[in-house]
N, C-alpha and C. Protein backbone atom coordinates (compact mmCIF):
# COMPACT_ATOMS: atom_id res chain seq x y z
N MET A 1 -232.99 40.75 14.44
CA MET A 1 -232.72 41.89 13.59
C MET A 1 -232.86 41.46 12.14
N TYR A 2 -233.48 42.32 11.38
CA TYR A 2 -233.67 42.03 9.96
C TYR A 2 -232.63 42.78 9.14
N ASP A 3 -232.12 42.16 8.12
CA ASP A 3 -231.21 42.82 7.20
C ASP A 3 -232.01 43.24 5.98
N ALA A 4 -231.88 44.50 5.64
CA ALA A 4 -232.59 45.02 4.48
C ALA A 4 -231.64 45.82 3.62
N GLU A 5 -231.94 45.88 2.34
CA GLU A 5 -231.16 46.69 1.41
C GLU A 5 -232.05 47.81 0.91
N GLY A 6 -231.61 49.04 1.11
CA GLY A 6 -232.39 50.19 0.68
C GLY A 6 -232.01 50.62 -0.71
N SER A 7 -233.01 51.08 -1.45
CA SER A 7 -232.74 51.58 -2.81
C SER A 7 -233.74 52.68 -3.13
N HIS A 8 -233.33 53.58 -4.02
CA HIS A 8 -234.20 54.66 -4.50
C HIS A 8 -234.85 54.17 -5.79
N ASP A 9 -236.02 53.56 -5.66
CA ASP A 9 -236.70 52.98 -6.82
C ASP A 9 -237.64 53.96 -7.51
N GLY A 10 -237.80 55.17 -6.96
CA GLY A 10 -238.70 56.15 -7.56
C GLY A 10 -240.16 55.86 -7.31
N VAL A 11 -240.46 55.05 -6.28
CA VAL A 11 -241.85 54.75 -5.93
C VAL A 11 -242.43 55.98 -5.26
N PRO A 12 -243.54 56.53 -5.77
CA PRO A 12 -244.11 57.74 -5.17
C PRO A 12 -244.71 57.44 -3.79
N CYS A 13 -244.57 58.42 -2.90
CA CYS A 13 -245.13 58.30 -1.55
C CYS A 13 -246.66 58.35 -1.64
N PRO A 14 -247.37 57.44 -0.97
CA PRO A 14 -248.83 57.47 -1.02
C PRO A 14 -249.43 58.67 -0.28
N THR A 15 -248.64 59.34 0.57
CA THR A 15 -249.16 60.47 1.32
C THR A 15 -248.94 61.80 0.59
N CYS A 16 -247.69 62.07 0.18
CA CYS A 16 -247.39 63.37 -0.42
C CYS A 16 -247.05 63.32 -1.90
N GLY A 17 -246.86 62.13 -2.46
CA GLY A 17 -246.57 61.99 -3.88
C GLY A 17 -245.11 62.17 -4.25
N SER A 18 -244.27 62.47 -3.28
CA SER A 18 -242.84 62.67 -3.57
C SER A 18 -242.19 61.37 -4.00
N GLU A 19 -241.20 61.50 -4.88
CA GLU A 19 -240.43 60.32 -5.30
C GLU A 19 -239.12 60.21 -4.52
N ALA A 20 -238.96 61.04 -3.48
CA ALA A 20 -237.78 60.97 -2.62
C ALA A 20 -238.02 59.91 -1.55
N THR A 21 -238.17 58.69 -2.01
CA THR A 21 -238.49 57.58 -1.11
C THR A 21 -237.37 56.55 -1.13
N ILE A 22 -237.35 55.76 -0.08
CA ILE A 22 -236.42 54.63 -0.01
C ILE A 22 -237.25 53.37 0.12
N SER A 23 -236.98 52.43 -0.76
CA SER A 23 -237.63 51.12 -0.68
C SER A 23 -236.67 50.18 0.03
N TRP A 24 -237.12 49.59 1.10
CA TRP A 24 -236.30 48.64 1.86
C TRP A 24 -236.71 47.23 1.45
N HIS A 25 -235.79 46.50 0.84
CA HIS A 25 -236.03 45.15 0.36
C HIS A 25 -235.44 44.17 1.38
N PHE A 26 -236.30 43.40 2.01
CA PHE A 26 -235.88 42.45 3.03
C PHE A 26 -235.67 41.07 2.42
N ALA A 27 -234.72 40.34 2.97
CA ALA A 27 -234.41 38.99 2.49
C ALA A 27 -235.61 38.06 2.65
N GLU A 28 -236.51 38.38 3.58
CA GLU A 28 -237.69 37.55 3.82
C GLU A 28 -238.74 37.71 2.73
N GLY A 29 -238.53 38.67 1.82
CA GLY A 29 -239.42 38.79 0.67
C GLY A 29 -240.39 39.96 0.72
N PHE A 30 -240.32 40.83 1.71
CA PHE A 30 -241.24 41.96 1.73
C PHE A 30 -240.47 43.27 1.53
N VAL A 31 -241.21 44.31 1.16
CA VAL A 31 -240.63 45.62 0.89
C VAL A 31 -241.38 46.65 1.73
N GLU A 32 -240.64 47.57 2.34
CA GLU A 32 -241.23 48.68 3.08
C GLU A 32 -240.79 49.97 2.43
N LEU A 33 -241.59 51.02 2.60
CA LEU A 33 -241.32 52.29 1.94
C LEU A 33 -241.21 53.39 2.98
N ASP A 34 -240.16 54.21 2.88
CA ASP A 34 -239.97 55.38 3.74
C ASP A 34 -239.87 56.60 2.84
N CYS A 35 -240.56 57.70 3.24
CA CYS A 35 -240.51 58.94 2.48
C CYS A 35 -239.61 59.93 3.21
N ARG A 36 -238.63 60.47 2.50
CA ARG A 36 -237.71 61.44 3.09
C ARG A 36 -238.32 62.83 3.12
N THR A 37 -239.40 63.06 2.38
CA THR A 37 -240.02 64.38 2.34
C THR A 37 -241.00 64.59 3.49
N CYS A 38 -241.94 63.67 3.67
CA CYS A 38 -242.98 63.86 4.69
C CYS A 38 -242.84 62.94 5.89
N GLY A 39 -241.93 61.96 5.83
CA GLY A 39 -241.74 61.07 6.97
C GLY A 39 -242.62 59.84 6.96
N TYR A 40 -243.36 59.62 5.89
CA TYR A 40 -244.22 58.44 5.79
C TYR A 40 -243.39 57.17 5.94
N ARG A 41 -243.94 56.22 6.70
CA ARG A 41 -243.33 54.88 6.83
C ARG A 41 -244.43 53.85 6.63
N SER A 42 -244.22 52.92 5.73
CA SER A 42 -245.26 51.92 5.46
C SER A 42 -245.47 50.98 6.64
N ASP A 43 -244.49 50.89 7.54
CA ASP A 43 -244.62 50.01 8.70
C ASP A 43 -245.04 50.74 9.97
N ALA A 44 -245.49 51.99 9.86
CA ALA A 44 -245.83 52.80 11.03
C ALA A 44 -246.94 52.17 11.88
N GLU A 45 -247.95 51.59 11.24
CA GLU A 45 -249.05 50.96 12.00
C GLU A 45 -248.55 49.79 12.83
N GLU A 46 -247.71 48.95 12.24
CA GLU A 46 -247.18 47.79 12.96
C GLU A 46 -246.30 48.22 14.13
N ILE A 47 -245.49 49.25 13.93
CA ILE A 47 -244.63 49.75 15.00
C ILE A 47 -245.48 50.32 16.14
N ALA A 48 -246.52 51.06 15.80
CA ALA A 48 -247.41 51.63 16.82
C ALA A 48 -248.09 50.52 17.63
N ALA A 49 -248.49 49.45 16.97
CA ALA A 49 -249.13 48.34 17.68
C ALA A 49 -248.15 47.68 18.64
N LEU A 50 -246.89 47.53 18.24
CA LEU A 50 -245.89 46.94 19.12
C LEU A 50 -245.61 47.84 20.32
N GLU A 51 -245.60 49.14 20.11
CA GLU A 51 -245.33 50.07 21.20
C GLU A 51 -246.47 50.13 22.21
N ARG A 52 -247.70 49.81 21.78
CA ARG A 52 -248.85 49.81 22.70
C ARG A 52 -248.77 48.64 23.68
N GLU A 53 -248.20 47.54 23.25
CA GLU A 53 -248.11 46.36 24.09
C GLU A 53 -246.95 46.51 25.06
N SER A 54 -247.21 46.28 26.35
CA SER A 54 -246.16 46.47 27.35
C SER A 54 -245.22 45.27 27.42
N GLY A 55 -245.69 44.11 27.02
CA GLY A 55 -244.84 42.92 27.06
C GLY A 55 -244.76 42.30 28.44
N GLU A 56 -245.54 42.80 29.39
CA GLU A 56 -245.50 42.26 30.74
C GLU A 56 -246.32 40.97 30.82
N LEU A 57 -245.87 40.09 31.68
CA LEU A 57 -246.63 38.87 31.92
C LEU A 57 -247.74 39.18 32.92
N LEU A 58 -248.89 38.67 32.65
CA LEU A 58 -250.01 38.90 33.56
C LEU A 58 -250.03 37.81 34.62
N ALA A 59 -250.13 38.21 35.86
CA ALA A 59 -250.21 37.25 36.96
C ALA A 59 -251.68 37.01 37.28
N GLY A 60 -252.00 35.77 37.57
CA GLY A 60 -253.38 35.43 37.92
C GLY A 60 -253.70 35.84 39.35
N ASP A 61 -254.98 35.83 39.69
CA ASP A 61 -255.42 36.18 41.04
C ASP A 61 -255.46 34.98 41.97
N ASP A 62 -255.23 33.79 41.41
CA ASP A 62 -255.29 32.59 42.24
C ASP A 62 -254.09 32.54 43.18
N PRO A 63 -254.33 32.13 44.43
CA PRO A 63 -253.20 32.01 45.35
C PRO A 63 -252.29 30.86 44.91
N PRO A 64 -251.01 30.95 45.22
CA PRO A 64 -250.11 29.86 44.81
C PRO A 64 -250.46 28.57 45.54
N GLU A 65 -250.16 27.46 44.90
CA GLU A 65 -250.44 26.17 45.51
C GLU A 65 -249.52 25.95 46.70
N ALA A 66 -250.02 25.21 47.69
CA ALA A 66 -249.21 24.92 48.88
C ALA A 66 -248.04 24.03 48.49
N PRO A 67 -246.87 24.25 49.09
CA PRO A 67 -245.71 23.42 48.75
C PRO A 67 -245.93 21.98 49.21
N LEU A 68 -245.25 21.07 48.55
CA LEU A 68 -245.34 19.67 48.95
C LEU A 68 -244.69 19.48 50.31
N PRO A 69 -245.26 18.61 51.16
CA PRO A 69 -244.65 18.38 52.47
C PRO A 69 -243.27 17.73 52.31
N LYS A 70 -242.36 18.13 53.17
CA LYS A 70 -241.00 17.58 53.12
C LYS A 70 -240.95 16.32 53.97
N ARG A 71 -240.23 15.32 53.45
CA ARG A 71 -240.05 14.08 54.23
C ARG A 71 -238.75 14.19 55.02
N PRO A 72 -238.73 13.66 56.20
CA PRO A 72 -237.47 13.69 56.96
C PRO A 72 -236.42 12.82 56.28
N LEU A 73 -235.19 13.27 56.34
CA LEU A 73 -234.08 12.50 55.77
C LEU A 73 -233.66 11.41 56.74
N ARG A 74 -233.40 10.23 56.23
CA ARG A 74 -232.94 9.13 57.06
C ARG A 74 -231.54 8.71 56.62
N ALA A 75 -230.67 8.58 57.57
CA ALA A 75 -229.30 8.20 57.24
C ALA A 75 -229.09 6.73 57.27
């Protein structure tokens, strides 16, 4: 989870030009912009890319290797 501090810096929205935006300043050094008027989010592309990926592990078509033969136990 990332911690960010939001502020109203008056940065105009690149989509609608509104200044009703929130700039999110992250401790990692980057800033994201959200517009309260039209819903623009500067991170929308990255979020969409994450949602496209299912996160499932792909299994190969190769059959599993045969188990090692067991040795009899001797007392």
